[in-house]
Protein backbone atom coordinates (compact mmCIF):
# COMPACT_ATOMS: atom_id res chain seq x y z
CA MET A 1 -6.46 3.75 15.60
CA ASN A 2 -4.72 1.27 17.91
CA LYS A 3 -7.99 0.60 19.73
CA LEU A 4 -9.79 0.03 16.44
CA GLU A 5 -7.06 -2.32 15.31
CA ARG A 6 -7.26 -4.40 18.48
CA LYS A 7 -11.00 -4.74 17.96
CA PHE A 8 -11.33 -5.03 14.18
CA GLY A 9 -7.80 -5.84 13.02
CA LYS A 10 -8.67 -9.50 12.45
CA TYR A 11 -11.09 -8.43 9.70
CA ALA A 12 -8.42 -6.58 7.69
CA VAL A 13 -7.94 -7.85 4.15
CA PRO A 14 -4.34 -9.09 3.73
CA HIS A 15 -2.47 -8.30 0.52
CA LEU A 16 -5.02 -5.65 -0.42
CA THR A 17 -2.75 -4.28 -3.15
CA ALA A 18 -2.74 -7.64 -4.91
CA VAL A 19 -6.53 -7.73 -4.62
CA LEU A 20 -6.82 -4.29 -6.26
CA ILE A 21 -4.44 -5.24 -9.07
CA GLY A 22 -6.49 -8.42 -9.58
CA CYS A 23 -9.65 -6.30 -9.86
CA TYR A 24 -8.02 -4.16 -12.53
CA ILE A 25 -6.98 -7.27 -14.47
CA ILE A 26 -10.58 -8.49 -14.36
CA GLY A 27 -11.69 -5.06 -15.59
CA TYR A 28 -9.31 -5.22 -18.54
CA MET A 29 -10.53 -8.69 -19.45
CA LEU A 30 -14.16 -7.54 -19.34
CA GLN A 31 -13.34 -4.57 -21.56
CA LEU A 32 -11.68 -6.85 -24.10
CA MET A 33 -14.83 -8.98 -24.23
CA ASN A 34 -17.23 -6.03 -24.38
CA ARG A 35 -16.16 -2.38 -24.61
CA ASN A 36 -19.58 -1.11 -23.54
CA ILE A 37 -19.58 -3.05 -20.27
CA VAL A 38 -17.87 -0.17 -18.47
CA SER A 39 -21.06 1.90 -18.71
CA PHE A 40 -22.81 -0.75 -16.59
CA MET A 41 -20.12 -0.66 -13.86
CA ARG A 42 -19.58 3.07 -13.25
CA LEU A 43 -20.47 4.77 -9.99
CA GLU A 44 -23.80 6.43 -10.90
CA PRO A 45 -25.86 7.33 -7.80
CA ALA A 46 -29.03 7.88 -9.83
CA LEU A 47 -28.91 4.34 -11.22
CA ILE A 48 -27.91 2.90 -7.84
CA LEU A 49 -31.01 4.39 -6.25
CA GLN A 50 -33.03 2.79 -9.05
CA GLY A 51 -31.86 -0.64 -7.95
CA GLN A 52 -28.49 -1.18 -9.67
CA ILE A 53 -26.75 -1.89 -6.36
CA TRP A 54 -23.82 -3.67 -7.98
CA ARG A 55 -22.41 -0.30 -9.08
CA LEU A 56 -21.30 0.28 -5.48
CA ILE A 57 -18.69 -2.45 -6.06
CA THR A 58 -18.12 -2.71 -9.79
CA TRP A 59 -16.71 0.81 -10.17
CA ILE A 60 -13.64 -0.45 -8.29
CA ILE A 61 -12.99 -2.96 -11.09
CA ILE A 62 -12.74 -0.26 -13.76
CA PRO A 63 -9.00 0.26 -14.47
CA PRO A 64 -7.61 3.80 -14.09
CA SER A 65 -6.12 3.86 -17.62
CA SER A 66 -6.47 2.23 -21.03
CA LEU A 67 -4.63 -1.00 -21.83
CA SER A 68 -1.13 -0.60 -23.28
CA ILE A 69 2.43 -1.73 -22.68
CA TRP A 70 2.81 0.97 -20.04
CA THR A 71 -0.18 -0.45 -18.22
CA PHE A 72 1.78 -3.52 -17.13
CA ILE A 73 4.67 -1.35 -15.98
CA MET A 74 2.36 0.88 -13.94
CA LEU A 75 0.51 -2.10 -12.43
CA PHE A 76 3.81 -3.61 -11.35
CA PHE A 77 4.90 -0.25 -9.94
CA TYR A 78 1.68 0.22 -7.97
CA PHE A 79 1.94 -3.35 -6.71
CA SER A 80 5.48 -2.65 -5.48
CA ILE A 81 4.72 0.60 -3.66
CA GLY A 82 1.39 -0.66 -2.28
CA THR A 83 3.02 -3.78 -0.88
CA SER A 84 5.70 -1.64 0.76
CA LEU A 85 3.05 0.52 2.42
CA GLU A 86 1.26 -2.60 3.66
CA ARG A 87 4.44 -3.87 5.30
CA VAL A 88 5.23 -0.54 6.96
CA TRP A 89 1.73 0.47 8.03
CA GLY A 90 0.29 -2.96 8.66
CA ASP A 91 -2.75 -4.52 7.00
CA PHE A 92 -5.32 -2.71 9.13
CA ARG A 93 -4.04 0.83 8.57
CA TYR A 94 -3.57 0.20 4.87
CA ASN A 95 -7.13 -1.14 4.67
CA VAL A 96 -8.43 1.96 6.40
CA TYR A 97 -6.48 4.19 4.01
CA ILE A 98 -7.66 2.52 0.78
CA LEU A 99 -11.17 1.46 1.75
CA GLY A 100 -11.71 4.74 3.57
CA GLY A 101 -10.83 6.63 0.41
CA MET A 102 -13.30 4.53 -1.57
CA LEU A 103 -16.05 5.10 0.99
CA ILE A 104 -15.47 8.86 0.94
CA THR A 105 -15.62 8.75 -2.87
CA ILE A 106 -18.98 6.95 -2.80
CA LEU A 107 -20.44 9.38 -0.26
CA SER A 108 -19.20 12.35 -2.29
CA ALA A 109 -20.83 10.96 -5.43
CA PHE A 110 -24.19 10.83 -3.65
CA VAL A 111 -23.68 14.36 -2.28
CA CYS A 112 -23.08 15.60 -5.83
CA TYR A 113 -26.16 13.73 -7.01
CA PHE A 114 -28.38 15.46 -4.46
CA ILE A 115 -26.83 18.85 -5.28
CA PHE A 116 -26.64 18.73 -9.07
CA GLY A 117 -29.39 16.22 -9.82
CA SER A 118 -29.47 13.10 -11.96
CA SER A 119 -29.05 14.80 -15.34
CA ILE A 120 -25.23 14.71 -15.13
CA ALA A 121 -23.30 11.44 -15.43
CA MET A 122 -20.78 11.12 -12.61
CA GLY A 123 -19.15 7.79 -13.39
CA THR A 124 -16.26 9.38 -15.28
CA ALA A 125 -15.46 11.74 -12.41
CA PHE A 126 -15.66 9.28 -9.51
CA SER A 127 -13.21 6.54 -10.43
CA THR A 128 -10.16 4.78 -9.08
CA TYR A 129 -7.76 7.06 -10.94
CA TYR A 130 -7.30 9.53 -8.10
CA ILE A 131 -7.25 6.74 -5.51
CA CYS A 132 -4.23 5.30 -7.33
CA MET A 133 -2.65 8.74 -7.21
CA SER A 134 -3.30 8.85 -3.46
CA ILE A 135 -1.29 5.61 -3.12
CA MET A 136 1.56 7.31 -4.96
CA LEU A 137 1.39 10.33 -2.67
CA ALA A 138 1.29 8.10 0.41
CA TYR A 139 4.40 6.26 -0.72
CA ALA A 140 6.20 9.53 -1.48
CA ALA A 141 5.33 10.86 1.98
CA THR A 142 6.39 7.64 3.72
CA PHE A 143 9.58 7.01 1.71
CA PRO A 144 10.63 10.47 0.45
CA ASP A 145 14.26 9.44 -0.15
CA ALA A 146 13.48 6.26 -2.07
CA GLN A 147 14.62 6.35 -5.68
CA VAL A 148 12.85 5.07 -8.77
CA LEU A 149 14.16 4.87 -12.33
CA ILE A 150 12.04 6.83 -14.78
CA TYR A 151 12.01 4.88 -18.05
CA PHE A 152 14.45 2.54 -16.27
CA VAL A 153 17.21 5.13 -16.75
CA PHE A 154 16.72 8.39 -14.82
CA PRO A 155 16.89 8.10 -11.00
CA VAL A 156 14.40 10.34 -9.21
CA LYS A 157 13.57 10.54 -5.52
CA MET A 158 10.00 9.87 -4.52
CA ARG A 159 9.67 13.26 -2.83
CA TRP A 160 9.95 14.97 -6.24
CA ILE A 161 7.49 12.58 -7.84
CA GLY A 162 5.10 13.35 -5.01
CA TRP A 163 5.46 17.07 -5.61
CA ILE A 164 4.90 16.58 -9.34
CA TYR A 165 1.75 14.54 -8.69
CA GLY A 166 0.52 17.17 -6.26
CA ALA A 167 1.15 19.89 -8.84
CA LEU A 168 -0.80 17.92 -11.46
CA LEU A 169 -3.74 17.56 -9.10
CA ALA A 170 -3.64 21.27 -8.30
CA TYR A 171 -3.50 22.02 -12.03
CA ASP A 172 -6.59 19.87 -12.64
CA ILE A 173 -8.48 21.58 -9.84
CA VAL A 174 -7.59 25.04 -11.18
CA ASN A 175 -8.76 24.09 -14.68
CA TYR A 176 -12.08 22.77 -13.38
CA ILE A 177 -12.65 25.90 -11.28
CA ARG A 178 -11.88 27.99 -14.36
CA ALA A 179 -14.53 26.01 -16.25
CA VAL A 180 -17.00 26.73 -13.44
CA MET A 181 -16.30 30.46 -13.78
CA GLN A 182 -17.07 30.14 -17.50
CA GLY A 183 -20.51 28.76 -16.70
CA PHE A 184 -19.92 24.98 -16.64
CA THR A 185 -21.32 24.34 -13.19
CA PHE A 186 -20.97 20.56 -13.51
CA ALA A 187 -17.18 20.99 -13.34
CA TRP A 188 -17.58 21.26 -9.57
CA ILE A 189 -18.21 17.49 -9.63
CA TYR A 190 -14.65 16.84 -10.79
CA VAL A 191 -13.25 19.17 -8.12
CA ILE A 192 -15.20 17.35 -5.43
CA ALA A 193 -14.13 13.96 -6.85
CA ILE A 194 -10.45 14.91 -6.62
CA LEU A 195 -10.76 16.29 -3.09
CA ALA A 196 -12.78 13.27 -1.95
CA SER A 197 -10.28 10.73 -3.24
CA LEU A 198 -7.44 12.64 -1.54
CA ALA A 199 -9.24 13.18 1.77
CA ASN A 200 -7.73 9.98 3.17
CA PHE A 201 -4.24 11.26 2.36
CA VAL A 202 -4.95 14.52 4.19
CA ILE A 203 -6.28 12.64 7.23
CA PHE A 204 -3.34 10.25 7.41
CA PHE A 205 -0.49 12.70 6.79
CA PHE A 206 -1.59 16.21 7.72
CA LEU A 207 -3.59 15.26 10.81
CA ASN A 208 -1.22 12.54 12.00
CA LYS A 209 1.94 13.61 13.81
CA LYS A 210 3.71 10.30 13.29
CA LYS A 211 4.03 10.33 9.53
CA ASN A 212 7.01 8.11 8.76
CA HIS A 213 6.98 5.40 11.38
CA VAL A 214 7.02 1.65 11.00
CA HIS A 215 3.76 0.41 12.44
CA LEU A 216 3.58 -2.73 14.53
CA ASN A 217 0.35 -4.63 14.94
CA HIS A 218 -0.92 -5.80 18.33
CA ALA A 219 0.84 -9.18 18.18
CA GLN A 220 4.13 -7.56 17.17
CA ARG A 221 3.89 -4.98 19.96
CA THR A 222 3.27 -7.75 22.49
CA ALA A 223 6.25 -9.73 21.23
CA ARG A 224 8.46 -6.62 21.39
CA LYS A 225 7.37 -5.93 24.98
CA GLN A 226 8.11 -9.51 26.03
CA PHE A 227 11.51 -9.36 24.35
CA ARG A 228 12.40 -6.13 26.17
CA GLN A 229 11.33 -7.59 29.50
CA ALA A 230 13.45 -10.67 28.88
CA SER A 231 16.40 -8.51 27.84
CA GLU A 232 16.09 -6.35 30.96
CA SER A 233 16.12 -9.43 33.20
CA THR A 234 19.32 -10.79 31.62
CA ARG A 235 21.32 -7.55 31.35
CA PRO A 236 24.50 -7.17 33.41
CA PHE A 237 24.63 -5.07 36.57
CA GLY A 238 23.86 -1.40 36.00
CA SER A 239 23.32 -1.87 32.29
CA THR A 240 19.93 -0.12 32.25
CA GLU A 241 21.22 3.05 33.88
CA ALA A 242 24.35 3.05 31.76
CA ALA A 243 22.38 2.57 28.55
CA ASN A 244 20.08 5.46 29.46
CA GLN A 245 23.12 7.70 30.02
CA GLY A 246 24.75 6.71 26.73
CA ARG A 247 27.68 4.79 28.31
CA VAL A 248 29.12 1.54 27.02
CA VAL A 249 27.45 -1.34 28.86
CA PRO A 250 29.76 -4.18 30.01
CA ARG A 251 28.63 -7.68 29.13
CA HIS A 252 31.00 -9.53 31.49
CA ARG A 253 32.06 -8.85 35.11
CA CYS A 254 34.30 -10.80 37.46
CA GLU A 255 32.66 -11.48 40.83
CA ILE A 256 36.02 -11.38 42.64
CA CYS A 257 37.80 -8.28 41.37
CA GLY A 258 34.92 -6.48 39.64
CA ARG A 259 36.81 -5.95 36.38
CA THR A 260 34.74 -5.99 33.19
CA ASP A 261 35.30 -6.50 29.49
CA VAL A 262 35.01 -2.71 29.10
CA SER A 263 37.61 -1.75 31.72
CA ASN A 264 39.94 -4.63 30.82
CA PRO A 265 39.29 -5.82 27.28
CA GLU A 266 42.43 -7.98 27.33
CA LEU A 267 40.91 -10.36 29.91
CA GLU A 268 38.80 -13.42 29.18
CA PHE A 269 35.68 -14.16 31.20
CA ARG A 270 34.14 -17.55 31.86
CA TYR A 271 31.35 -19.08 33.93
CA CYS A 272 32.46 -21.65 36.46
CA SER A 273 30.94 -25.08 35.89
CA LYS A 274 31.59 -26.17 39.51
CA CYS A 275 29.68 -23.30 41.13
CA ASN A 276 25.98 -23.53 41.80
CA GLY A 277 24.26 -20.97 39.63
CA ALA A 278 25.66 -18.55 37.07
CA HIS A 279 28.90 -17.11 38.46
CA GLU A 280 31.34 -15.37 36.12
CA TYR A 281 35.05 -14.79 36.71
CA CYS A 282 37.98 -13.33 34.84
CA SER A 283 40.87 -15.48 33.66
CA ASP A 284 42.92 -14.52 36.77
CA HIS A 285 40.31 -15.82 39.22
CA LEU A 286 38.60 -18.58 37.26
CA PHE A 287 40.72 -21.33 38.86
CA THR A 288 41.60 -19.60 42.17
CA HIS A 289 38.20 -18.66 43.58
CA ILE A 290 36.23 -20.56 46.20
CA HIS A 291 33.42 -22.46 44.54
CA VAL A 292 29.89 -21.44 45.46
CA GLN A 293 27.99 -24.51 46.71
């Protein structure tokens, strides 16, 4: 992933969460103008192969829920958690997570088309609803101890919300499999849609050992390395070894007697302005030493 970021990180879309929320707002506006327009934007592989290429993009604009007062609350909530993930993961990794989930969804829709044929509409199954849920799960896995206020009153940790969302997804899958056992073969499409939209979550969190780490991009890693090198060059004598062993590192040391601010905290230490170079002395030897010329 680091190699890919160094090569393609400059192409990452910044503020991707805001872009997604903007797409949903456009979708709501289009629905208000024409309720039937959604049928021309859904992800339908059969119609895409007939030349309606725009469906590869327009299905992203379809909002995951109907318009209501809770819609604005949920959009603000998704904007908040998505922005937090962007800051922690970095733009490139967040782009890979979201856009990768969308790509897997598109490929899965075409797989279902070739398996089940064109007689079944798939636009209702392959939507952004489960991708939004994957953002929720990602936030719960990254910040499990973060608290949110349900209905602005009840504090709940994100780990429990993540488990509840996971249970709801498992419940949906079980219901669709039960429908398959009753003879509704097309219900497999919904099972595949759920698994496809959550595949990115599985890849990022179950196949990645470093789950809850703050990611630094290439420029930030370079700046951190330069800062550490500069810090190492300006540390007092023996500070590196002492820091590695967990001891308190002295910041000041007298060149005459060797006492430090750790061994003798009552002393004051100053640099001599008459010596050539940086020479530090304690208050007992600041005015009695021989100046270095």
